[in-house]
């Protein structure tokens, strides 16, 4: 989750760097200048203090999506390994943790003799 938030912060930095160098906001919600209406009633300014709310809302959204996806992964592991008893191809008799599959698989030299 930390890497996702850092990625978003970096992307936000690039968006503001683009405004600094080119004078254009990549996304209109990043413009924190006050609202200014022209004679037709169209906003030609920014969105004011709400730009911070958009940024925080996107960060909260990515954290929520991360938690939902992590929960779905744990639910899938619980259903397949605990309830259905399907421990997987690389199980090898050891208890599986909550880490990555590549790190939890049994290496070829750890297998009992005669097993391929």
N, C-alpha and C. Protein backbone atom coordinates (compact mmCIF):
# COMPACT_ATOMS: atom_id res chain seq x y z
N UNK A 1 0.83 -1.18 0.00
CA UNK A 1 0.00 0.00 0.00
C UNK A 1 0.88 1.26 0.00
N UNK A 2 2.00 1.19 0.72
CA UNK A 2 2.90 2.34 0.76
C UNK A 2 3.39 2.70 -0.64
N UNK A 3 3.71 1.69 -1.45
CA UNK A 3 4.20 1.95 -2.80
C UNK A 3 3.12 2.58 -3.67
N UNK A 4 1.88 2.18 -3.46
CA UNK A 4 0.79 2.79 -4.24
C UNK A 4 0.64 4.27 -3.90
N UNK A 5 0.70 4.59 -2.61
CA UNK A 5 0.57 5.98 -2.19
C UNK A 5 1.77 6.79 -2.70
N UNK A 6 2.97 6.22 -2.62
CA UNK A 6 4.15 6.93 -3.13
C UNK A 6 4.05 7.14 -4.64
N UNK A 7 3.51 6.17 -5.35
CA UNK A 7 3.30 6.32 -6.79
C UNK A 7 2.33 7.46 -7.07
N UNK A 8 1.25 7.54 -6.29
CA UNK A 8 0.29 8.63 -6.48
C UNK A 8 0.92 9.98 -6.17
N UNK A 9 1.74 10.05 -5.11
CA UNK A 9 2.40 11.32 -4.76
C UNK A 9 3.36 11.73 -5.87
N UNK A 10 4.10 10.76 -6.41
CA UNK A 10 5.00 11.07 -7.52
C UNK A 10 4.24 11.55 -8.75
N UNK A 11 3.12 10.92 -9.05
CA UNK A 11 2.31 11.32 -10.19
C UNK A 11 1.74 12.72 -9.98
N UNK A 12 1.33 13.01 -8.76
CA UNK A 12 0.84 14.34 -8.44
C UNK A 12 1.95 15.38 -8.61
N UNK A 13 3.16 15.01 -8.19
CA UNK A 13 4.30 15.90 -8.37
C UNK A 13 4.56 16.19 -9.83
N UNK A 14 4.48 15.17 -10.68
CA UNK A 14 4.68 15.36 -12.11
C UNK A 14 3.57 16.24 -12.69
N UNK A 15 2.35 16.08 -12.21
CA UNK A 15 1.24 16.90 -12.70
C UNK A 15 1.47 18.37 -12.35
N UNK A 16 1.92 18.66 -11.12
CA UNK A 16 2.19 20.04 -10.75
C UNK A 16 3.45 20.57 -11.44
N UNK A 17 4.42 19.70 -11.70
CA UNK A 17 5.61 20.09 -12.45
C UNK A 17 5.22 20.48 -13.88
N UNK A 18 4.27 19.76 -14.46
CA UNK A 18 3.77 20.10 -15.79
C UNK A 18 3.12 21.48 -15.78
N UNK A 19 2.37 21.79 -14.73
CA UNK A 19 1.77 23.12 -14.63
C UNK A 19 2.86 24.18 -14.48
N UNK A 20 3.87 23.87 -13.70
CA UNK A 20 4.95 24.84 -13.48
C UNK A 20 5.72 25.11 -14.77
N UNK A 21 5.98 24.07 -15.56
CA UNK A 21 6.78 24.25 -16.77
C UNK A 21 5.96 24.66 -17.99
N UNK A 22 4.73 24.16 -18.12
CA UNK A 22 3.91 24.44 -19.31
C UNK A 22 2.77 25.41 -19.05
N UNK A 23 2.44 25.65 -17.79
CA UNK A 23 1.35 26.56 -17.47
C UNK A 23 -0.04 25.97 -17.63
N UNK A 24 -0.12 24.65 -17.75
CA UNK A 24 -1.40 23.98 -17.97
C UNK A 24 -1.58 22.91 -16.90
N UNK A 25 -2.78 22.85 -16.32
CA UNK A 25 -3.09 21.77 -15.38
C UNK A 25 -3.49 20.53 -16.16
N UNK A 26 -2.90 19.40 -15.80
CA UNK A 26 -3.23 18.14 -16.47
C UNK A 26 -4.68 17.77 -16.18
N UNK A 27 -5.10 18.00 -14.96
CA UNK A 27 -6.48 17.74 -14.54
C UNK A 27 -7.05 19.03 -13.96
N UNK A 28 -8.26 19.39 -14.31
CA UNK A 28 -8.84 20.66 -13.82
C UNK A 28 -8.98 20.71 -12.29
N UNK A 29 -9.15 19.57 -11.65
CA UNK A 29 -9.34 19.61 -10.19
C UNK A 29 -8.05 19.93 -9.44
N UNK A 30 -6.92 19.97 -10.12
CA UNK A 30 -5.67 20.35 -9.46
C UNK A 30 -5.50 21.85 -9.32
N UNK A 31 -6.30 22.61 -10.07
CA UNK A 31 -6.22 24.07 -10.03
C UNK A 31 -6.88 24.58 -8.75
N UNK A 32 -6.06 25.07 -7.82
CA UNK A 32 -6.60 25.52 -6.53
C UNK A 32 -6.89 27.01 -6.49
N UNK A 33 -6.79 27.68 -7.63
CA UNK A 33 -7.13 29.10 -7.66
C UNK A 33 -8.65 29.26 -7.48
N UNK A 34 -9.09 30.43 -7.00
CA UNK A 34 -10.52 30.61 -6.76
C UNK A 34 -11.34 30.54 -8.05
N UNK A 35 -12.62 30.22 -7.87
CA UNK A 35 -13.53 30.18 -9.01
C UNK A 35 -13.72 31.58 -9.56
N UNK A 36 -13.68 31.69 -10.89
CA UNK A 36 -13.95 32.96 -11.56
C UNK A 36 -14.91 32.65 -12.70
N UNK A 37 -16.04 33.33 -12.71
CA UNK A 37 -17.04 33.10 -13.75
C UNK A 37 -16.97 34.20 -14.80
N UNK A 38 -17.06 33.80 -16.07
CA UNK A 38 -17.09 34.79 -17.13
C UNK A 38 -18.52 35.28 -17.33
N UNK A 39 -18.75 36.09 -18.35
CA UNK A 39 -20.09 36.67 -18.55
C UNK A 39 -21.14 35.62 -18.89
N UNK A 40 -20.71 34.47 -19.43
CA UNK A 40 -21.66 33.41 -19.77
C UNK A 40 -21.91 32.47 -18.58
N UNK A 41 -21.22 32.70 -17.46
CA UNK A 41 -21.40 31.85 -16.28
C UNK A 41 -20.49 30.63 -16.26
N UNK A 42 -19.53 30.59 -17.18
CA UNK A 42 -18.60 29.47 -17.24
C UNK A 42 -17.41 29.76 -16.34
N UNK A 43 -16.96 28.74 -15.61
CA UNK A 43 -15.83 28.90 -14.70
C UNK A 43 -14.54 28.96 -15.52
N UNK A 44 -13.81 30.06 -15.39
CA UNK A 44 -12.53 30.19 -16.07
C UNK A 44 -11.38 30.17 -15.06
N UNK A 45 -11.72 29.98 -13.81
CA UNK A 45 -10.70 29.89 -12.76
C UNK A 45 -10.51 28.45 -12.33
N UNK A 46 -10.15 28.27 -11.09
CA UNK A 46 -9.95 26.94 -10.54
C UNK A 46 -11.17 26.46 -9.78
N UNK A 47 -10.95 25.53 -8.87
CA UNK A 47 -12.05 25.04 -8.06
C UNK A 47 -11.89 25.42 -6.60
N UNK A 48 -10.87 26.21 -6.28
CA UNK A 48 -10.68 26.70 -4.93
C UNK A 48 -10.11 25.63 -4.00
N UNK A 49 -10.57 25.66 -2.76
CA UNK A 49 -10.02 24.77 -1.73
C UNK A 49 -10.42 23.31 -1.94
N UNK A 50 -11.31 23.04 -2.86
CA UNK A 50 -11.75 21.67 -3.08
C UNK A 50 -10.69 20.80 -3.75
N UNK A 51 -9.64 21.40 -4.30
CA UNK A 51 -8.60 20.60 -4.95
C UNK A 51 -7.91 19.68 -3.94
N UNK A 52 -7.72 20.15 -2.72
CA UNK A 52 -7.12 19.29 -1.68
C UNK A 52 -8.05 18.13 -1.35
N UNK A 53 -9.35 18.37 -1.36
CA UNK A 53 -10.31 17.30 -1.08
C UNK A 53 -10.27 16.24 -2.18
N UNK A 54 -10.10 16.65 -3.43
CA UNK A 54 -9.97 15.69 -4.52
C UNK A 54 -8.72 14.82 -4.34
N UNK A 55 -7.61 15.45 -3.99
CA UNK A 55 -6.36 14.71 -3.83
C UNK A 55 -6.46 13.72 -2.69
N UNK A 56 -6.99 14.15 -1.54
CA UNK A 56 -7.16 13.25 -0.39
C UNK A 56 -8.16 12.15 -0.73
N UNK A 57 -9.22 12.49 -1.46
CA UNK A 57 -10.22 11.49 -1.85
C UNK A 57 -9.64 10.41 -2.74
N UNK A 58 -8.76 10.79 -3.66
CA UNK A 58 -8.12 9.80 -4.52
C UNK A 58 -7.20 8.90 -3.70
N UNK A 59 -6.45 9.48 -2.75
CA UNK A 59 -5.57 8.68 -1.89
C UNK A 59 -6.38 7.71 -1.03
N UNK A 60 -7.48 8.17 -0.47
CA UNK A 60 -8.34 7.29 0.34
C UNK A 60 -8.93 6.19 -0.55
N UNK A 61 -9.31 6.55 -1.77
CA UNK A 61 -9.86 5.56 -2.70
C UNK A 61 -8.86 4.46 -3.03
N UNK A 62 -7.59 4.81 -3.23
CA UNK A 62 -6.59 3.78 -3.56
C UNK A 62 -6.34 2.88 -2.36
N UNK A 63 -6.39 3.44 -1.15
CA UNK A 63 -6.22 2.61 0.05
C UNK A 63 -7.40 1.65 0.20
N UNK A 64 -8.61 2.13 -0.05
CA UNK A 64 -9.80 1.26 0.04
C UNK A 64 -9.74 0.16 -1.01
N UNK A 65 -9.36 0.51 -2.24
CA UNK A 65 -9.25 -0.52 -3.29
C UNK A 65 -8.16 -1.54 -2.95
N UNK A 66 -7.06 -1.09 -2.37
CA UNK A 66 -6.00 -2.02 -1.96
C UNK A 66 -6.53 -2.98 -0.89
N UNK A 67 -7.24 -2.46 0.10
CA UNK A 67 -7.77 -3.31 1.17
C UNK A 67 -8.80 -4.31 0.63
N UNK A 68 -9.63 -3.88 -0.29
CA UNK A 68 -10.62 -4.78 -0.89
C UNK A 68 -9.92 -5.89 -1.66
N UNK A 69 -8.92 -5.55 -2.47
CA UNK A 69 -8.23 -6.58 -3.24
C UNK A 69 -7.45 -7.53 -2.33
N UNK A 70 -6.83 -7.02 -1.28
CA UNK A 70 -6.11 -7.88 -0.34
C UNK A 70 -7.11 -8.81 0.38
N UNK A 71 -8.26 -8.28 0.74
CA UNK A 71 -9.29 -9.11 1.37
C UNK A 71 -9.79 -10.20 0.44
N UNK A 72 -9.98 -9.89 -0.84
CA UNK A 72 -10.41 -10.90 -1.81
C UNK A 72 -9.36 -11.99 -1.98
N UNK A 73 -8.08 -11.61 -1.96
CA UNK A 73 -7.02 -12.60 -2.07
C UNK A 73 -7.03 -13.53 -0.85
N UNK A 74 -7.16 -12.96 0.35
CA UNK A 74 -7.20 -13.79 1.55
C UNK A 74 -8.45 -14.67 1.58
N UNK A 75 -9.59 -14.16 1.09
CA UNK A 75 -10.81 -14.97 1.01
C UNK A 75 -10.62 -16.13 0.04
N UNK A 76 -10.00 -15.86 -1.11
CA UNK A 76 -9.75 -16.93 -2.08
C UNK A 76 -8.84 -18.00 -1.48
N UNK A 77 -7.79 -17.58 -0.78
CA UNK A 77 -6.89 -18.55 -0.16
C UNK A 77 -7.62 -19.36 0.91
N UNK A 78 -8.49 -18.72 1.68
CA UNK A 78 -9.22 -19.42 2.73
C UNK A 78 -10.18 -20.44 2.13
N UNK A 79 -10.90 -20.02 1.08
CA UNK A 79 -11.87 -20.92 0.44
C UNK A 79 -11.17 -22.10 -0.21
N UNK A 80 -10.11 -21.86 -0.94
CA UNK A 80 -9.46 -22.95 -1.67
C UNK A 80 -8.62 -23.84 -0.78
N UNK A 81 -7.87 -23.26 0.16
CA UNK A 81 -6.95 -24.06 0.96
C UNK A 81 -7.59 -24.64 2.21
N UNK A 82 -8.40 -23.88 2.90
CA UNK A 82 -8.99 -24.38 4.16
C UNK A 82 -10.27 -25.18 3.90
N UNK A 83 -11.18 -24.59 3.17
CA UNK A 83 -12.48 -25.24 2.97
C UNK A 83 -12.43 -26.36 1.94
N UNK A 84 -11.80 -26.11 0.79
CA UNK A 84 -11.78 -27.11 -0.28
C UNK A 84 -10.59 -28.06 -0.17
N UNK A 85 -9.62 -27.74 0.67
CA UNK A 85 -8.47 -28.61 0.85
C UNK A 85 -7.52 -28.65 -0.33
N UNK A 86 -7.59 -27.68 -1.21
CA UNK A 86 -6.70 -27.63 -2.37
C UNK A 86 -5.50 -26.75 -2.02
N UNK A 87 -4.44 -27.39 -1.55
CA UNK A 87 -3.29 -26.64 -1.06
C UNK A 87 -2.36 -26.17 -2.15
N UNK A 88 -2.44 -26.72 -3.32
CA UNK A 88 -1.66 -26.20 -4.43
C UNK A 88 -0.51 -27.09 -4.84
N UNK A 89 0.02 -26.79 -5.99
CA UNK A 89 1.06 -27.58 -6.62
C UNK A 89 2.39 -27.52 -5.86
N UNK A 90 2.74 -26.39 -5.29
CA UNK A 90 4.02 -26.19 -4.64
C UNK A 90 3.93 -26.29 -3.12
N UNK A 91 2.89 -26.91 -2.60
CA UNK A 91 2.66 -26.96 -1.16
C UNK A 91 3.77 -27.74 -0.45
N UNK A 92 4.06 -28.96 -0.82
CA UNK A 92 5.15 -29.75 -0.28
C UNK A 92 5.03 -30.11 1.18
N UNK A 93 3.87 -30.01 1.79
CA UNK A 93 3.69 -30.41 3.18
C UNK A 93 3.96 -29.34 4.21
N UNK A 94 4.41 -28.18 3.79
CA UNK A 94 4.68 -27.10 4.74
C UNK A 94 3.46 -26.21 4.87
N UNK A 95 3.33 -25.59 6.01
CA UNK A 95 2.23 -24.63 6.20
C UNK A 95 2.52 -23.39 5.37
N UNK A 96 1.51 -22.90 4.69
CA UNK A 96 1.68 -21.72 3.86
C UNK A 96 1.36 -20.48 4.68
N UNK A 97 2.14 -19.42 4.49
CA UNK A 97 1.91 -18.16 5.18
C UNK A 97 1.04 -17.24 4.35
N UNK A 98 1.18 -15.97 4.60
CA UNK A 98 0.41 -14.98 3.86
C UNK A 98 1.28 -14.23 2.86
N UNK A 99 2.48 -14.73 2.60
CA UNK A 99 3.40 -14.05 1.70
C UNK A 99 3.16 -14.38 0.25
N UNK A 100 4.18 -14.19 -0.52
CA UNK A 100 4.11 -14.43 -1.94
C UNK A 100 4.26 -15.92 -2.24
N UNK A 101 3.59 -16.39 -3.27
CA UNK A 101 3.64 -17.79 -3.66
C UNK A 101 5.05 -18.21 -4.04
N UNK A 102 5.76 -17.34 -4.74
CA UNK A 102 7.11 -17.69 -5.17
C UNK A 102 8.04 -17.91 -3.99
N UNK A 103 7.81 -17.19 -2.90
CA UNK A 103 8.67 -17.33 -1.73
C UNK A 103 8.28 -18.53 -0.86
N UNK A 104 7.06 -19.02 -1.03
CA UNK A 104 6.58 -20.11 -0.18
C UNK A 104 6.66 -21.48 -0.85
N UNK A 105 7.02 -21.55 -2.11
CA UNK A 105 7.05 -22.84 -2.77
C UNK A 105 8.26 -23.65 -2.30
N UNK A 106 8.15 -24.94 -2.43
CA UNK A 106 9.22 -25.82 -1.99
C UNK A 106 10.25 -25.95 -3.10
N UNK A 107 11.50 -25.73 -2.75
CA UNK A 107 12.57 -25.83 -3.74
C UNK A 107 12.81 -27.29 -4.09
N UNK A 108 13.32 -27.52 -5.28
CA UNK A 108 13.55 -28.89 -5.76
C UNK A 108 14.50 -29.65 -4.84
N UNK A 109 15.52 -29.02 -4.30
CA UNK A 109 16.48 -29.73 -3.46
C UNK A 109 15.96 -29.98 -2.05
N UNK A 110 14.78 -29.41 -1.69
CA UNK A 110 14.19 -29.67 -0.39
C UNK A 110 13.20 -30.83 -0.41
N UNK A 111 12.85 -31.31 -1.59
CA UNK A 111 11.86 -32.38 -1.70
C UNK A 111 12.47 -33.70 -1.23
N UNK A 112 11.65 -34.56 -0.66
CA UNK A 112 12.14 -35.88 -0.23
C UNK A 112 12.65 -36.70 -1.42
N UNK A 113 13.60 -37.62 -1.20
CA UNK A 113 14.13 -38.42 -2.30
C UNK A 113 13.04 -39.22 -2.97
N UNK A 114 13.14 -39.35 -4.28
CA UNK A 114 12.17 -40.11 -5.06
C UNK A 114 10.99 -39.31 -5.51
N UNK A 115 10.82 -38.09 -5.01
CA UNK A 115 9.69 -37.24 -5.41
C UNK A 115 10.20 -36.26 -6.45
N UNK A 116 9.45 -36.09 -7.52
CA UNK A 116 9.89 -35.19 -8.59
C UNK A 116 9.01 -33.98 -8.64
